[in-house]
N, C-alpha and C. Protein backbone atom coordinates (compact mmCIF):
# COMPACT_ATOMS: atom_id res chain seq x y z
N UNK A 1 0.84 -1.20 0.00
CA UNK A 1 0.00 0.00 0.00
C UNK A 1 0.88 1.25 0.00
N UNK A 2 0.47 2.25 -0.76
CA UNK A 2 1.25 3.48 -0.86
C UNK A 2 1.32 4.19 0.48
N UNK A 3 2.44 4.88 0.73
CA UNK A 3 2.61 5.61 1.97
C UNK A 3 2.96 7.07 1.68
N UNK A 4 3.27 7.81 2.75
CA UNK A 4 3.54 9.25 2.61
C UNK A 4 4.74 9.51 1.70
N UNK A 5 5.75 8.65 1.77
CA UNK A 5 6.92 8.82 0.90
C UNK A 5 6.53 8.70 -0.57
N UNK A 6 5.64 7.75 -0.85
CA UNK A 6 5.18 7.58 -2.24
C UNK A 6 4.44 8.83 -2.71
N UNK A 7 3.55 9.33 -1.86
CA UNK A 7 2.79 10.53 -2.24
C UNK A 7 3.73 11.71 -2.49
N UNK A 8 4.71 11.90 -1.60
CA UNK A 8 5.65 13.01 -1.76
C UNK A 8 6.48 12.87 -3.03
N UNK A 9 6.89 11.64 -3.34
CA UNK A 9 7.67 11.40 -4.55
C UNK A 9 6.92 11.90 -5.78
N UNK A 10 5.65 11.51 -5.89
CA UNK A 10 4.86 11.91 -7.04
C UNK A 10 4.50 13.39 -6.97
N UNK A 11 4.17 13.87 -5.79
CA UNK A 11 3.74 15.27 -5.64
C UNK A 11 4.84 16.23 -6.10
N UNK A 12 6.10 15.92 -5.76
CA UNK A 12 7.20 16.79 -6.17
C UNK A 12 7.38 16.77 -7.69
N UNK A 13 7.16 15.63 -8.31
CA UNK A 13 7.23 15.55 -9.77
C UNK A 13 6.12 16.40 -10.40
N UNK A 14 4.94 16.33 -9.80
CA UNK A 14 3.81 17.13 -10.31
C UNK A 14 4.10 18.62 -10.15
N UNK A 15 4.64 19.01 -8.99
CA UNK A 15 4.95 20.42 -8.75
C UNK A 15 5.90 20.97 -9.80
N UNK A 16 6.81 20.12 -10.28
CA UNK A 16 7.79 20.56 -11.29
C UNK A 16 7.12 20.89 -12.62
N UNK A 17 5.90 20.40 -12.82
CA UNK A 17 5.17 20.64 -14.07
C UNK A 17 4.26 21.86 -13.99
N UNK A 18 4.19 22.51 -12.84
CA UNK A 18 3.37 23.71 -12.73
C UNK A 18 3.96 24.83 -13.59
N UNK A 19 3.10 25.52 -14.30
CA UNK A 19 3.51 26.61 -15.19
C UNK A 19 2.38 27.64 -15.24
N UNK A 20 2.24 28.44 -14.17
CA UNK A 20 1.10 29.36 -14.05
C UNK A 20 0.95 30.30 -15.24
N UNK A 21 2.07 30.73 -15.83
CA UNK A 21 1.98 31.66 -16.96
C UNK A 21 1.26 31.06 -18.15
N UNK A 22 1.29 29.73 -18.24
CA UNK A 22 0.61 29.04 -19.35
C UNK A 22 -0.65 28.32 -18.90
N UNK A 23 -1.18 28.73 -17.73
CA UNK A 23 -2.46 28.20 -17.28
C UNK A 23 -2.38 26.91 -16.49
N UNK A 24 -1.18 26.37 -16.33
CA UNK A 24 -1.03 25.14 -15.54
C UNK A 24 -0.72 25.58 -14.11
N UNK A 25 -1.76 26.01 -13.42
CA UNK A 25 -1.59 26.72 -12.16
C UNK A 25 -1.96 25.90 -10.92
N UNK A 26 -2.28 24.63 -11.10
CA UNK A 26 -2.57 23.79 -9.95
C UNK A 26 -2.22 22.34 -10.28
N UNK A 27 -1.96 21.53 -9.26
CA UNK A 27 -1.52 20.15 -9.49
C UNK A 27 -2.49 19.34 -10.36
N UNK A 28 -3.79 19.62 -10.22
CA UNK A 28 -4.78 18.88 -11.00
C UNK A 28 -4.60 19.09 -12.51
N UNK A 29 -3.97 20.20 -12.91
CA UNK A 29 -3.70 20.44 -14.33
C UNK A 29 -2.33 19.90 -14.73
N UNK A 30 -1.40 19.88 -13.79
CA UNK A 30 -0.04 19.41 -14.09
C UNK A 30 0.04 17.88 -14.14
N UNK A 31 -0.71 17.22 -13.28
CA UNK A 31 -0.66 15.75 -13.18
C UNK A 31 -0.96 15.06 -14.51
N UNK A 32 -2.01 15.44 -15.24
CA UNK A 32 -2.28 14.77 -16.52
C UNK A 32 -1.13 14.89 -17.52
N UNK A 33 -0.49 16.05 -17.57
CA UNK A 33 0.61 16.24 -18.51
C UNK A 33 1.78 15.33 -18.14
N UNK A 34 2.11 15.29 -16.84
CA UNK A 34 3.17 14.41 -16.36
C UNK A 34 2.89 12.97 -16.72
N UNK A 35 1.66 12.51 -16.50
CA UNK A 35 1.35 11.10 -16.70
C UNK A 35 1.28 10.71 -18.17
N UNK A 36 0.72 11.56 -19.02
CA UNK A 36 0.71 11.25 -20.45
C UNK A 36 2.15 11.18 -20.97
N UNK A 37 2.98 12.16 -20.58
CA UNK A 37 4.38 12.17 -21.01
C UNK A 37 5.11 10.93 -20.53
N UNK A 38 4.86 10.54 -19.28
CA UNK A 38 5.58 9.42 -18.68
C UNK A 38 5.11 8.08 -19.21
N UNK A 39 3.81 7.85 -19.18
CA UNK A 39 3.27 6.54 -19.57
C UNK A 39 3.46 6.25 -21.05
N UNK A 40 3.39 7.30 -21.88
CA UNK A 40 3.48 7.10 -23.33
C UNK A 40 4.86 7.45 -23.89
N UNK A 41 5.74 7.96 -23.02
CA UNK A 41 7.09 8.33 -23.44
C UNK A 41 7.06 9.34 -24.59
N UNK A 42 6.31 10.41 -24.37
CA UNK A 42 6.24 11.49 -25.35
C UNK A 42 6.74 12.77 -24.70
N UNK A 43 6.95 13.80 -25.49
CA UNK A 43 7.45 15.07 -24.96
C UNK A 43 6.36 15.76 -24.13
N UNK A 44 6.80 16.68 -23.28
CA UNK A 44 5.84 17.44 -22.48
C UNK A 44 4.89 18.23 -23.36
N UNK A 45 5.40 18.74 -24.48
CA UNK A 45 4.56 19.50 -25.40
C UNK A 45 3.48 18.61 -26.02
N UNK A 46 3.85 17.40 -26.41
CA UNK A 46 2.88 16.46 -26.97
C UNK A 46 1.85 16.07 -25.92
N UNK A 47 2.32 15.89 -24.69
CA UNK A 47 1.41 15.52 -23.60
C UNK A 47 0.42 16.64 -23.33
N UNK A 48 0.90 17.87 -23.31
CA UNK A 48 0.00 19.00 -23.08
C UNK A 48 -1.03 19.13 -24.20
N UNK A 49 -0.60 18.85 -25.41
CA UNK A 49 -1.50 18.93 -26.57
C UNK A 49 -2.58 17.86 -26.50
N UNK A 50 -2.34 16.79 -25.74
CA UNK A 50 -3.31 15.69 -25.64
C UNK A 50 -4.46 16.00 -24.70
N UNK A 51 -4.32 17.03 -23.86
CA UNK A 51 -5.32 17.31 -22.82
C UNK A 51 -6.61 17.85 -23.43
N UNK A 52 -7.72 17.24 -23.05
CA UNK A 52 -9.05 17.66 -23.53
C UNK A 52 -9.97 18.03 -22.37
N UNK A 53 -9.48 17.95 -21.15
CA UNK A 53 -10.28 18.17 -19.96
C UNK A 53 -10.88 19.57 -19.95
N UNK A 54 -12.12 19.66 -19.51
CA UNK A 54 -12.81 20.95 -19.43
C UNK A 54 -14.29 20.75 -19.61
N UNK A 55 -15.00 21.82 -19.83
CA UNK A 55 -16.43 21.68 -20.06
C UNK A 55 -16.69 20.89 -21.33
N UNK A 56 -17.73 20.11 -21.33
CA UNK A 56 -18.13 19.29 -22.48
C UNK A 56 -17.00 18.35 -22.93
N UNK A 57 -16.34 17.70 -21.95
CA UNK A 57 -15.27 16.77 -22.33
C UNK A 57 -15.75 15.32 -22.44
N UNK A 58 -17.04 15.10 -22.19
CA UNK A 58 -17.65 13.77 -22.35
C UNK A 58 -16.97 12.70 -21.49
N UNK A 59 -16.32 13.11 -20.40
CA UNK A 59 -15.62 12.15 -19.55
C UNK A 59 -14.23 11.80 -20.03
N UNK A 60 -13.77 12.50 -21.07
CA UNK A 60 -12.45 12.24 -21.65
C UNK A 60 -11.50 13.38 -21.26
N UNK A 61 -10.46 13.07 -20.50
CA UNK A 61 -9.54 14.11 -20.04
C UNK A 61 -8.33 14.29 -20.94
N UNK A 62 -7.99 13.26 -21.72
CA UNK A 62 -6.86 13.37 -22.65
C UNK A 62 -6.98 12.31 -23.72
N UNK A 63 -6.46 12.64 -24.91
CA UNK A 63 -6.45 11.71 -26.05
C UNK A 63 -5.09 11.80 -26.72
N UNK A 64 -4.48 10.65 -26.95
CA UNK A 64 -3.23 10.63 -27.72
C UNK A 64 -3.29 9.49 -28.72
N UNK A 65 -3.18 9.83 -30.00
CA UNK A 65 -3.16 8.82 -31.06
C UNK A 65 -1.70 8.53 -31.39
N UNK A 66 -1.28 7.31 -31.11
CA UNK A 66 0.13 6.92 -31.23
C UNK A 66 0.35 6.15 -32.53
N UNK A 67 1.01 6.81 -33.48
CA UNK A 67 1.31 6.14 -34.75
C UNK A 67 2.82 5.97 -34.95
N UNK A 68 3.57 6.02 -33.87
CA UNK A 68 5.02 5.86 -33.96
C UNK A 68 5.40 4.41 -34.27
N UNK A 69 6.40 4.25 -35.13
CA UNK A 69 6.95 2.93 -35.44
C UNK A 69 5.88 1.93 -35.85
N UNK A 70 4.92 2.39 -36.64
CA UNK A 70 3.90 1.48 -37.14
C UNK A 70 2.77 1.18 -36.18
N UNK A 71 2.76 1.83 -35.01
CA UNK A 71 1.67 1.62 -34.06
C UNK A 71 0.39 2.26 -34.59
N UNK A 72 -0.73 1.79 -34.04
CA UNK A 72 -2.01 2.45 -34.27
C UNK A 72 -2.83 2.32 -32.99
N UNK A 73 -2.32 2.99 -31.95
CA UNK A 73 -2.91 2.90 -30.62
C UNK A 73 -3.55 4.23 -30.24
N UNK A 74 -4.79 4.16 -29.80
CA UNK A 74 -5.54 5.35 -29.41
C UNK A 74 -5.68 5.32 -27.89
N UNK A 75 -5.04 6.26 -27.21
CA UNK A 75 -5.05 6.29 -25.75
C UNK A 75 -6.05 7.33 -25.25
N UNK A 76 -6.96 6.86 -24.40
CA UNK A 76 -7.99 7.71 -23.80
C UNK A 76 -7.78 7.71 -22.29
N UNK A 77 -7.72 8.88 -21.68
CA UNK A 77 -7.43 8.99 -20.25
C UNK A 77 -8.56 9.65 -19.47
N UNK A 78 -8.77 9.12 -18.24
CA UNK A 78 -9.48 9.83 -17.19
C UNK A 78 -8.51 9.99 -16.04
N UNK A 79 -8.46 11.19 -15.43
CA UNK A 79 -7.51 11.48 -14.36
C UNK A 79 -8.22 11.88 -13.07
N UNK A 80 -7.53 11.61 -11.96
CA UNK A 80 -7.97 12.10 -10.65
C UNK A 80 -6.71 12.38 -9.84
N UNK A 81 -6.59 13.60 -9.34
CA UNK A 81 -5.42 13.94 -8.52
C UNK A 81 -5.86 14.36 -7.13
N UNK A 82 -5.35 13.67 -6.12
CA UNK A 82 -5.63 14.00 -4.72
C UNK A 82 -4.53 14.92 -4.21
N UNK A 83 -4.90 16.08 -3.67
CA UNK A 83 -3.88 17.05 -3.29
C UNK A 83 -3.42 16.92 -1.84
N UNK A 84 -3.91 15.90 -1.13
CA UNK A 84 -3.40 15.58 0.21
C UNK A 84 -3.18 14.08 0.30
N UNK A 85 -2.25 13.68 1.16
CA UNK A 85 -1.98 12.25 1.31
C UNK A 85 -3.22 11.51 1.81
N UNK A 86 -3.97 12.14 2.71
CA UNK A 86 -5.16 11.48 3.25
C UNK A 86 -6.14 11.11 2.14
N UNK A 87 -6.27 11.97 1.14
CA UNK A 87 -7.23 11.71 0.06
C UNK A 87 -6.76 10.63 -0.91
N UNK A 88 -5.48 10.28 -0.87
CA UNK A 88 -5.00 9.20 -1.75
C UNK A 88 -5.55 7.85 -1.31
N UNK A 89 -6.08 7.78 -0.10
CA UNK A 89 -6.63 6.52 0.40
C UNK A 89 -8.04 6.27 -0.11
N UNK A 90 -8.58 7.24 -0.82
CA UNK A 90 -9.90 7.06 -1.43
C UNK A 90 -9.76 6.30 -2.74
N UNK A 91 -10.85 5.69 -3.17
CA UNK A 91 -10.83 4.96 -4.45
C UNK A 91 -11.02 5.92 -5.62
N UNK A 92 -10.48 5.54 -6.77
CA UNK A 92 -10.69 6.32 -7.99
C UNK A 92 -12.19 6.42 -8.24
N UNK A 93 -12.71 7.61 -8.51
CA UNK A 93 -14.16 7.75 -8.69
C UNK A 93 -14.65 7.03 -9.95
N UNK A 94 -15.80 6.43 -9.81
CA UNK A 94 -16.35 5.66 -10.94
C UNK A 94 -17.58 6.33 -11.53
N UNK A 95 -17.86 7.57 -11.11
CA UNK A 95 -19.12 8.21 -11.52
C UNK A 95 -19.14 8.62 -12.99
N UNK A 96 -18.00 8.53 -13.68
CA UNK A 96 -18.00 8.93 -15.09
C UNK A 96 -17.83 7.75 -16.03
N UNK A 97 -17.94 6.53 -15.51
CA UNK A 97 -17.85 5.34 -16.38
C UNK A 97 -18.93 5.40 -17.46
N UNK A 98 -20.17 5.66 -17.02
CA UNK A 98 -21.29 5.67 -17.96
C UNK A 98 -21.14 6.78 -19.01
N UNK A 99 -20.60 7.92 -18.58
CA UNK A 99 -20.36 9.02 -19.53
C UNK A 99 -19.34 8.59 -20.59
N UNK A 100 -18.32 7.86 -20.15
CA UNK A 100 -17.29 7.39 -21.09
C UNK A 100 -17.86 6.35 -22.05
N UNK A 101 -18.69 5.46 -21.54
CA UNK A 101 -19.33 4.44 -22.39
C UNK A 101 -20.21 5.12 -23.43
N UNK A 102 -20.96 6.14 -23.01
CA UNK A 102 -21.80 6.89 -23.95
C UNK A 102 -20.95 7.55 -25.04
N UNK A 103 -19.80 8.07 -24.64
CA UNK A 103 -18.88 8.68 -25.61
C UNK A 103 -18.42 7.65 -26.64
N UNK A 104 -18.04 6.46 -26.17
CA UNK A 104 -17.55 5.44 -27.09
C UNK A 104 -18.67 4.94 -28.02
N UNK A 105 -19.89 4.87 -27.50
CA UNK A 105 -21.02 4.49 -28.36
C UNK A 105 -21.15 5.46 -29.53
N UNK A 106 -21.07 6.76 -29.23
CA UNK A 106 -21.17 7.77 -30.29
C UNK A 106 -19.94 7.75 -31.20
N UNK A 107 -18.78 7.59 -30.60
CA UNK A 107 -17.54 7.59 -31.37
C UNK A 107 -17.52 6.46 -32.39
N UNK A 108 -17.86 5.26 -31.95
CA UNK A 108 -17.76 4.08 -32.81
C UNK A 108 -18.95 3.96 -33.76
N UNK A 109 -19.97 4.78 -33.53
CA UNK A 109 -21.10 4.84 -34.46
C UNK A 109 -20.91 5.95 -35.49
N UNK A 110 -19.74 6.59 -35.44
CA UNK A 110 -19.41 7.70 -36.35
C UNK A 110 -20.49 8.78 -36.29
N UNK A 111 -20.89 9.08 -35.06
CA UNK A 111 -21.98 10.02 -34.84
C UNK A 111 -21.48 11.46 -35.00
N UNK A 112 -21.86 12.10 -36.09
CA UNK A 112 -21.39 13.45 -36.37
C UNK A 112 -21.92 14.49 -35.39
N UNK A 113 -22.99 14.15 -34.67
CA UNK A 113 -23.53 15.10 -33.70
C UNK A 113 -22.59 15.27 -32.50
N UNK A 114 -21.54 14.47 -32.44
CA UNK A 114 -20.54 14.63 -31.38
C UNK A 114 -19.99 16.05 -31.35
N UNK A 115 -19.91 16.67 -32.51
CA UNK A 115 -19.34 18.02 -32.58
C UNK A 115 -20.13 18.99 -31.71
N UNK A 116 -21.43 18.72 -31.55
CA UNK A 116 -22.28 19.62 -30.77
C UNK A 116 -22.24 19.31 -29.28
N UNK A 117 -21.69 18.15 -28.91
CA UNK A 117 -21.75 17.72 -27.51
C UNK A 117 -20.37 17.64 -26.86
N UNK A 118 -19.34 18.15 -27.55
CA UNK A 118 -18.00 18.12 -26.95
C UNK A 118 -17.29 19.44 -27.23
N UNK A 119 -16.23 19.70 -26.50
CA UNK A 119 -15.49 20.94 -26.70
C UNK A 119 -14.63 20.86 -27.96
N UNK A 120 -14.18 22.01 -28.50
CA UNK A 120 -13.45 22.01 -29.78
C UNK A 120 -12.17 21.18 -29.77
N UNK A 121 -11.47 21.16 -28.64
CA UNK A 121 -10.23 20.38 -28.57
C UNK A 121 -10.55 18.90 -28.71
N UNK A 122 -11.56 18.44 -27.97
CA UNK A 122 -11.96 17.03 -28.06
C UNK A 122 -12.46 16.70 -29.46
N UNK A 123 -13.20 17.60 -30.08
CA UNK A 123 -13.71 17.35 -31.43
C UNK A 123 -12.56 17.12 -32.42
N UNK A 124 -11.50 17.90 -32.30
CA UNK A 124 -10.34 17.69 -33.17
C UNK A 124 -9.70 16.33 -32.92
N UNK A 125 -9.67 15.92 -31.65
CA UNK A 125 -9.12 14.60 -31.32
C UNK A 125 -10.01 13.49 -31.88
N UNK A 126 -11.31 13.70 -31.83
CA UNK A 126 -12.24 12.70 -32.37
C UNK A 126 -11.98 12.48 -33.85
N UNK A 127 -11.73 13.55 -34.58
CA UNK A 127 -11.43 13.41 -36.01
C UNK A 127 -10.12 12.65 -36.22
N UNK A 128 -9.15 12.87 -35.33
CA UNK A 128 -7.90 12.10 -35.39
C UNK A 128 -8.18 10.62 -35.14
N UNK A 129 -9.05 10.34 -34.16
CA UNK A 129 -9.38 8.95 -33.84
C UNK A 129 -10.06 8.28 -35.02
N UNK A 130 -11.03 8.95 -35.62
CA UNK A 130 -11.72 8.36 -36.77
C UNK A 130 -10.74 8.05 -37.90
N UNK A 131 -9.77 8.94 -38.12
CA UNK A 131 -8.76 8.69 -39.16
C UNK A 131 -7.92 7.47 -38.80
N UNK A 132 -7.59 7.32 -37.52
CA UNK A 132 -6.80 6.17 -37.08
C UNK A 132 -7.59 4.87 -37.21
N UNK A 133 -8.89 4.93 -36.95
CA UNK A 133 -9.73 3.73 -37.02
C UNK A 133 -9.90 3.23 -38.46
N UNK A 134 -9.61 4.07 -39.43
CA UNK A 134 -9.68 3.65 -40.83
C UNK A 134 -8.44 2.86 -41.24
N UNK A 135 -7.39 2.92 -40.41
CA UNK A 135 -6.15 2.21 -40.70
C UNK A 135 -6.20 0.81 -40.10
N UNK A 136 -5.23 -0.01 -40.43
CA UNK A 136 -5.23 -1.40 -39.97
C UNK A 136 -4.78 -1.52 -38.52
N UNK A 137 -5.27 -2.59 -37.88
CA UNK A 137 -4.86 -2.99 -36.53
C UNK A 137 -4.94 -1.88 -35.48
N UNK A 138 -6.09 -1.23 -35.35
CA UNK A 138 -6.20 -0.22 -34.29
C UNK A 138 -6.42 -0.88 -32.93
N UNK A 139 -5.99 -0.21 -31.89
CA UNK A 139 -6.34 -0.62 -30.53
C UNK A 139 -6.69 0.63 -29.75
N UNK A 140 -7.63 0.49 -28.83
CA UNK A 140 -8.01 1.61 -27.98
C UNK A 140 -7.64 1.27 -26.55
N UNK A 141 -6.77 2.08 -25.98
CA UNK A 141 -6.25 1.86 -24.63
C UNK A 141 -6.89 2.89 -23.70
N UNK A 142 -7.68 2.40 -22.76
CA UNK A 142 -8.39 3.29 -21.83
C UNK A 142 -7.65 3.29 -20.50
N UNK A 143 -7.29 4.47 -20.03
CA UNK A 143 -6.51 4.61 -18.79
C UNK A 143 -7.31 5.35 -17.73
N UNK A 144 -7.53 4.69 -16.59
CA UNK A 144 -8.07 5.35 -15.40
C UNK A 144 -6.87 5.61 -14.50
N UNK A 145 -6.48 6.86 -14.37
CA UNK A 145 -5.18 7.19 -13.79
C UNK A 145 -5.33 8.20 -12.65
N UNK A 146 -4.95 7.80 -11.44
CA UNK A 146 -5.05 8.70 -10.31
C UNK A 146 -4.03 8.38 -9.24
N UNK A 147 -3.67 9.37 -8.45
CA UNK A 147 -2.77 9.12 -7.32
C UNK A 147 -3.60 8.73 -6.10
N UNK A 148 -4.49 7.81 -6.32
CA UNK A 148 -5.42 7.30 -5.31
C UNK A 148 -5.34 5.78 -5.33
N UNK A 149 -6.26 5.13 -4.67
CA UNK A 149 -6.42 3.69 -4.84
C UNK A 149 -7.23 3.44 -6.11
N UNK A 150 -7.15 2.23 -6.65
CA UNK A 150 -7.95 1.91 -7.82
C UNK A 150 -9.44 1.99 -7.47
N UNK A 151 -10.29 1.92 -8.48
CA UNK A 151 -11.73 1.85 -8.23
C UNK A 151 -12.03 0.69 -7.28
N UNK A 152 -13.12 0.80 -6.55
CA UNK A 152 -13.57 -0.34 -5.76
C UNK A 152 -13.77 -1.52 -6.70
N UNK A 153 -13.54 -2.73 -6.17
CA UNK A 153 -13.54 -3.92 -7.03
C UNK A 153 -14.79 -4.04 -7.90
N UNK A 154 -15.95 -3.80 -7.29
CA UNK A 154 -17.20 -3.93 -8.05
C UNK A 154 -17.28 -2.93 -9.19
N UNK A 155 -16.84 -1.69 -8.92
CA UNK A 155 -16.87 -0.65 -9.95
C UNK A 155 -15.79 -0.90 -11.00
N UNK A 156 -14.65 -1.43 -10.56
CA UNK A 156 -13.59 -1.77 -11.52
C UNK A 156 -14.07 -2.85 -12.48
N UNK A 157 -14.75 -3.85 -11.93
CA UNK A 157 -15.30 -4.92 -12.78
C UNK A 157 -16.36 -4.36 -13.72
N UNK A 158 -17.15 -3.40 -13.22
CA UNK A 158 -18.19 -2.80 -14.08
C UNK A 158 -17.55 -2.01 -15.22
N UNK A 159 -16.49 -1.27 -14.91
CA UNK A 159 -15.79 -0.51 -15.95
C UNK A 159 -15.21 -1.45 -17.00
N UNK A 160 -14.54 -2.51 -16.52
CA UNK A 160 -13.93 -3.46 -17.45
C UNK A 160 -14.98 -4.14 -18.32
N UNK A 161 -16.11 -4.53 -17.69
CA UNK A 161 -17.16 -5.22 -18.44
C UNK A 161 -17.83 -4.27 -19.44
N UNK A 162 -18.05 -3.02 -19.02
CA UNK A 162 -18.71 -2.05 -19.90
C UNK A 162 -17.88 -1.77 -21.14
N UNK A 163 -16.55 -1.78 -20.98
CA UNK A 163 -15.68 -1.45 -22.11
C UNK A 163 -15.25 -2.68 -22.90
N UNK A 164 -15.37 -3.86 -22.28
CA UNK A 164 -14.95 -5.08 -22.98
C UNK A 164 -15.94 -5.49 -24.07
N UNK A 165 -17.12 -4.84 -24.09
CA UNK A 165 -18.08 -5.16 -25.15
C UNK A 165 -17.58 -4.66 -26.50
N UNK A 166 -16.64 -3.71 -26.46
CA UNK A 166 -16.05 -3.21 -27.70
C UNK A 166 -14.83 -4.06 -28.05
N UNK A 167 -14.63 -4.33 -29.31
CA UNK A 167 -13.45 -5.07 -29.74
C UNK A 167 -12.22 -4.16 -29.71
N UNK A 168 -11.08 -4.77 -29.52
CA UNK A 168 -9.79 -4.07 -29.58
C UNK A 168 -9.60 -3.05 -28.47
N UNK A 169 -10.34 -3.23 -27.35
CA UNK A 169 -10.19 -2.33 -26.20
C UNK A 169 -9.34 -2.99 -25.13
N UNK A 170 -8.47 -2.21 -24.51
CA UNK A 170 -7.71 -2.65 -23.34
C UNK A 170 -7.88 -1.59 -22.26
N UNK A 171 -8.11 -2.04 -21.03
CA UNK A 171 -8.35 -1.11 -19.93
C UNK A 171 -7.19 -1.19 -18.94
N UNK A 172 -6.70 -0.01 -18.54
CA UNK A 172 -5.55 0.07 -17.63
C UNK A 172 -5.96 0.90 -16.41
N UNK A 173 -5.66 0.39 -15.22
CA UNK A 173 -5.94 1.11 -13.98
C UNK A 173 -4.61 1.48 -13.33
N UNK A 174 -4.37 2.78 -13.18
CA UNK A 174 -3.12 3.28 -12.60
C UNK A 174 -3.42 3.92 -11.25
N UNK A 175 -2.83 3.38 -10.19
CA UNK A 175 -3.02 3.91 -8.84
C UNK A 175 -1.72 4.56 -8.37
N UNK A 176 -1.75 5.17 -7.19
CA UNK A 176 -0.53 5.77 -6.64
C UNK A 176 0.57 4.72 -6.53
N UNK A 177 0.21 3.53 -6.07
CA UNK A 177 1.17 2.43 -5.95
C UNK A 177 1.86 2.15 -7.28
N UNK A 178 1.07 1.90 -8.31
CA UNK A 178 1.64 1.49 -9.60
C UNK A 178 2.39 2.63 -10.27
N UNK A 179 1.92 3.87 -10.07
CA UNK A 179 2.60 5.02 -10.67
C UNK A 179 4.00 5.20 -10.06
N UNK A 180 4.08 5.16 -8.73
CA UNK A 180 5.38 5.32 -8.07
C UNK A 180 6.31 4.16 -8.43
N UNK A 181 5.77 2.94 -8.48
CA UNK A 181 6.58 1.79 -8.88
C UNK A 181 7.14 1.99 -10.29
N UNK A 182 6.33 2.58 -11.15
CA UNK A 182 6.77 2.83 -12.53
C UNK A 182 7.96 3.78 -12.54
N UNK A 183 7.88 4.86 -11.74
CA UNK A 183 8.99 5.80 -11.67
C UNK A 183 10.25 5.15 -11.10
N UNK A 184 10.07 4.32 -10.07
CA UNK A 184 11.22 3.64 -9.45
C UNK A 184 11.87 2.69 -10.44
N UNK A 185 11.05 1.90 -11.14
CA UNK A 185 11.59 0.96 -12.12
C UNK A 185 12.31 1.69 -13.24
N UNK A 186 11.75 2.82 -13.67
CA UNK A 186 12.37 3.58 -14.75
C UNK A 186 13.70 4.17 -14.29
N UNK A 187 13.74 4.64 -13.04
CA UNK A 187 14.98 5.18 -12.49
C UNK A 187 16.04 4.10 -12.41
N UNK A 188 15.65 2.90 -11.94
CA UNK A 188 16.60 1.80 -11.84
C UNK A 188 17.11 1.39 -13.21
N UNK A 189 16.22 1.44 -14.21
CA UNK A 189 16.62 1.10 -15.57
C UNK A 189 17.66 2.07 -16.09
N UNK A 190 17.47 3.37 -15.80
CA UNK A 190 18.44 4.38 -16.22
C UNK A 190 19.77 4.16 -15.53
N UNK A 191 19.73 3.83 -14.22
CA UNK A 191 20.97 3.57 -13.48
C UNK A 191 21.69 2.37 -14.06
N UNK A 192 20.95 1.31 -14.37
CA UNK A 192 21.55 0.11 -14.97
C UNK A 192 22.22 0.44 -16.29
N UNK A 193 21.55 1.25 -17.11
CA UNK A 193 22.12 1.64 -18.40
C UNK A 193 23.40 2.44 -18.20
N UNK A 194 23.39 3.34 -17.20
CA UNK A 194 24.58 4.14 -16.94
C UNK A 194 25.74 3.27 -16.47
N UNK A 195 25.43 2.28 -15.62
CA UNK A 195 26.46 1.37 -15.14
C UNK A 195 27.04 0.55 -16.28
N UNK A 196 26.17 0.12 -17.20
CA UNK A 196 26.64 -0.64 -18.34
C UNK A 196 27.57 0.20 -19.21
N UNK A 197 27.24 1.48 -19.36
CA UNK A 197 28.09 2.38 -20.15
C UNK A 197 29.44 2.56 -19.46
N UNK A 198 29.42 2.73 -18.13
CA UNK A 198 30.66 2.87 -17.37
C UNK A 198 31.51 1.62 -17.51
N UNK A 199 30.88 0.44 -17.36
CA UNK A 199 31.60 -0.83 -17.50
C UNK A 199 32.22 -0.95 -18.88
N UNK A 200 31.45 -0.59 -19.90
CA UNK A 200 31.95 -0.70 -21.28
C UNK A 200 33.14 0.24 -21.48
N UNK A 201 33.01 1.47 -20.97
CA UNK A 201 34.11 2.42 -21.11
C UNK A 201 35.36 1.92 -20.41
N UNK A 202 35.17 1.28 -19.25
CA UNK A 202 36.31 0.78 -18.47
C UNK A 202 37.03 -0.34 -19.21
N UNK A 203 36.24 -1.30 -19.72
CA UNK A 203 36.85 -2.45 -20.38
C UNK A 203 37.35 -2.13 -21.78
N UNK A 204 36.86 -1.01 -22.35
CA UNK A 204 37.34 -0.62 -23.68
C UNK A 204 38.65 0.15 -23.63
N UNK A 205 39.09 0.46 -22.42
CA UNK A 205 40.34 1.22 -22.31
C UNK A 205 41.53 0.36 -22.75
């Protein structure tokens, strides 16, 4: 179970992404950019461009269409950021599952009325998604991402079941535990790579 050290580790990373001059003036706005950049290994600029959160977002907080190296992966995110350690002990909210399912029903039905029910940023992303779906081997990766506990088991099962009715969907649940573990593993990987470089330089002398 995540502890105060875990929360502080992530919180300091989120604080580093604050940029009040560009409207990223609170952790709830910085966290999505950090997580899109980290989980998808994209630049901060690309991550910021993926954000769709706001009024009329249809339950979709970020969209990234990944076509790198022959991929055709469509990443859809919902985020929740707890600004105190005590609140990280709460479960990821499940109140927008139905809103997300409704969005996917319209999206996969090529419902043009979506333009009237979503914000302009999301509408542009929807057009990107439709273009990606016309290509071969698409996959849709749905991420429920928060520095909290995962959804309660019953709600997690409901989310998975609601989205599994669609083909080519994969659902990912990211909690404070798994997020911090990801950063630790990535740090260890970098250290290992640096040690290998040092070893190689030593033996190449």
